[in-house]
Amino acid sequence: PHATGVPAHEWLSLVFVAVFITHLLMSWKWIVSVIKRFVSRLGAETRINALWDGLIYLWMLFVIVSGVVASRAALPALLPDWKPDPLWSRLHHQSSELLLPLVGIHLALHGRWIVAALRRKRKAES
C-alpha cells in the first residue's frame, strides 16, 4: 500500500486474487497428478516443488484472508457496517512481507518449465 495507497492496494489485490485463482485452475491437472503420485513415484525435485507449492498456496490464502478481514477501503465500500480488525491488519502486513521471497523461490523452482513454456508459445506464434 506504500506505493499505491490503501484503496488502490485493496482493489488491485482483488484483481490479483482472480489471477491467483486462474493460475490454480490452469495448473489443476498438474496439482491433481502430483497429489495422486506424491506418496509413491515422485522424484525428489517434483516432491520438493509440490511441498513448496503447497506451502505457498497456504501462505497466499492466509495473506488473502487476512487482507480481506483487515480491509479499510474495499470491504467498507461494499459493506458499510464493516469494521477492520487491527490484529488482522498486523498479521496481514507481517505475512505479506514474507510472500514476495516465497513467490521468488516458487518462480526459481519452476524456472525451467517457465522458460520452456515461453519458448513453446513463441514457436507456436511464428
Protein backbone atom coordinates (compact mmCIF):
# COMPACT_ATOMS: atom_id res chain seq x y z
CA PRO A 1 0.00 0.00 0.00
CA HIS A 2 3.00 2.34 0.30
CA ALA A 3 3.26 2.78 -3.48
CA THR A 4 -0.44 2.93 -4.33
CA GLY A 5 -2.25 3.89 -1.15
CA VAL A 6 -4.61 1.60 0.75
CA PRO A 7 -7.71 1.86 -1.51
CA ALA A 8 -5.81 1.07 -4.73
CA HIS A 9 -3.86 -1.69 -2.95
CA GLU A 10 -7.07 -3.37 -1.81
CA TRP A 11 -8.85 -3.13 -5.17
CA LEU A 12 -5.75 -4.28 -7.07
CA SER A 13 -5.44 -7.16 -4.61
CA LEU A 14 -8.91 -8.33 -5.59
CA VAL A 15 -7.70 -8.43 -9.21
CA PHE A 16 -4.65 -10.39 -8.04
CA VAL A 17 -6.93 -12.92 -6.32
CA ALA A 18 -8.56 -13.53 -9.71
CA VAL A 19 -5.11 -14.07 -11.27
CA PHE A 20 -4.16 -16.44 -8.41
CA ILE A 21 -7.34 -18.49 -8.90
CA THR A 22 -6.75 -18.58 -12.68
CA HIS A 23 -3.20 -19.85 -12.07
CA LEU A 24 -4.53 -22.62 -9.82
CA LEU A 25 -7.17 -23.61 -12.38
CA MET A 26 -4.63 -23.66 -15.21
CA SER A 27 -2.34 -25.86 -13.08
CA TRP A 28 -5.13 -28.09 -11.79
CA LYS A 29 -4.22 -31.21 -13.81
CA TRP A 30 -0.63 -31.00 -12.55
CA ILE A 31 -1.79 -30.43 -8.97
CA VAL A 32 -4.09 -33.46 -9.05
CA SER A 33 -1.50 -35.71 -10.70
CA VAL A 34 1.20 -34.73 -8.20
CA ILE A 35 -1.11 -35.32 -5.24
CA LYS A 36 -2.01 -38.77 -6.60
CA ARG A 37 1.65 -39.71 -7.13
CA PHE A 38 3.10 -37.91 -4.11
CA VAL A 39 3.50 -40.89 -1.84
CA SER A 40 4.64 -43.43 -4.40
CA ARG A 41 6.53 -42.46 -7.54
CA LEU A 42 7.64 -38.85 -7.42
CA GLY A 43 11.18 -37.76 -7.99
CA ALA A 44 12.85 -35.59 -5.37
CA GLU A 45 12.63 -32.39 -7.45
CA THR A 46 8.90 -32.77 -8.10
CA ARG A 47 8.29 -33.67 -4.45
CA ILE A 48 10.13 -30.51 -3.31
CA ASN A 49 8.20 -28.41 -5.84
CA ALA A 50 4.92 -29.88 -4.64
CA LEU A 51 5.72 -29.25 -0.98
CA TRP A 52 6.83 -25.69 -1.74
CA ASP A 53 3.73 -25.06 -3.88
CA GLY A 54 1.52 -26.34 -1.05
CA LEU A 55 3.26 -24.05 1.43
CA ILE A 56 2.98 -21.03 -0.82
CA TYR A 57 -0.70 -21.80 -1.52
CA LEU A 58 -1.49 -21.87 2.22
CA TRP A 59 0.59 -18.74 2.82
CA MET A 60 -1.13 -16.91 -0.07
CA LEU A 61 -4.52 -17.98 1.26
CA PHE A 62 -3.63 -16.57 4.69
CA VAL A 63 -2.46 -13.27 3.15
CA ILE A 64 -5.69 -13.00 1.14
CA VAL A 65 -8.00 -13.82 4.06
CA SER A 66 -6.13 -11.55 6.48
CA GLY A 67 -6.22 -8.76 3.88
CA VAL A 68 -9.98 -9.10 3.49
CA VAL A 69 -10.55 -9.11 7.26
CA ALA A 70 -8.24 -6.09 7.67
CA SER A 71 -9.78 -4.17 4.74
CA ARG A 72 -10.11 -0.44 5.36
CA ALA A 73 -11.37 0.62 1.91
CA ALA A 74 -12.74 -2.09 -0.40
CA LEU A 75 -14.82 -4.07 2.09
CA PRO A 76 -16.24 -0.98 3.83
CA ALA A 77 -17.25 0.31 0.38
CA LEU A 78 -19.18 -2.91 -0.20
CA LEU A 79 -20.36 -3.44 3.40
CA PRO A 80 -20.88 -0.04 5.09
CA ASP A 81 -21.02 -1.55 8.61
CA TRP A 82 -17.64 -3.29 8.18
CA LYS A 83 -15.03 -2.51 10.83
CA PRO A 84 -11.45 -3.65 10.13
CA ASP A 85 -9.65 -5.57 12.85
CA PRO A 86 -6.21 -4.11 13.80
CA LEU A 87 -4.87 -7.55 14.79
CA TRP A 88 -5.61 -8.90 11.32
CA SER A 89 -4.03 -5.81 9.81
CA ARG A 90 -0.76 -6.58 11.62
CA LEU A 91 -0.95 -10.27 10.68
CA HIS A 92 -1.62 -9.32 7.05
CA HIS A 93 1.30 -6.90 6.95
CA GLN A 94 3.75 -9.35 8.53
CA SER A 95 2.69 -12.35 6.44
CA SER A 96 2.68 -10.36 3.20
CA GLU A 97 6.27 -9.21 3.86
CA LEU A 98 7.40 -12.83 3.51
CA LEU A 99 5.22 -13.56 0.48
CA LEU A 100 7.44 -11.90 -2.14
CA PRO A 101 10.52 -14.02 -1.35
CA LEU A 102 8.30 -17.13 -1.28
CA VAL A 103 6.98 -16.28 -4.77
CA GLY A 104 10.55 -15.64 -5.95
CA ILE A 105 11.59 -19.11 -4.80
CA HIS A 106 8.45 -20.55 -6.46
CA LEU A 107 9.45 -18.94 -9.78
CA ALA A 108 13.03 -20.19 -9.40
CA LEU A 109 11.89 -23.76 -8.70
CA HIS A 110 9.71 -23.69 -11.83
CA GLY A 111 12.19 -21.68 -13.92
CA ARG A 112 12.97 -24.40 -16.46
CA TRP A 113 9.28 -25.10 -17.04
CA ILE A 114 8.51 -21.36 -17.42
CA VAL A 115 11.31 -20.88 -19.98
CA ALA A 116 10.21 -23.99 -21.92
CA ALA A 117 6.57 -22.83 -21.94
CA LEU A 118 7.56 -19.38 -23.20
CA ARG A 119 9.69 -20.96 -25.95
CA ARG A 120 6.81 -23.24 -26.99
CA LYS A 121 4.46 -20.25 -27.10
CA ARG A 122 6.90 -18.18 -29.17
CA LYS A 123 7.48 -21.11 -31.54
CA ALA A 124 3.71 -21.66 -31.95
CA GLU A 125 3.19 -17.98 -32.77
CA SER A 126 5.83 -17.96 -35.52
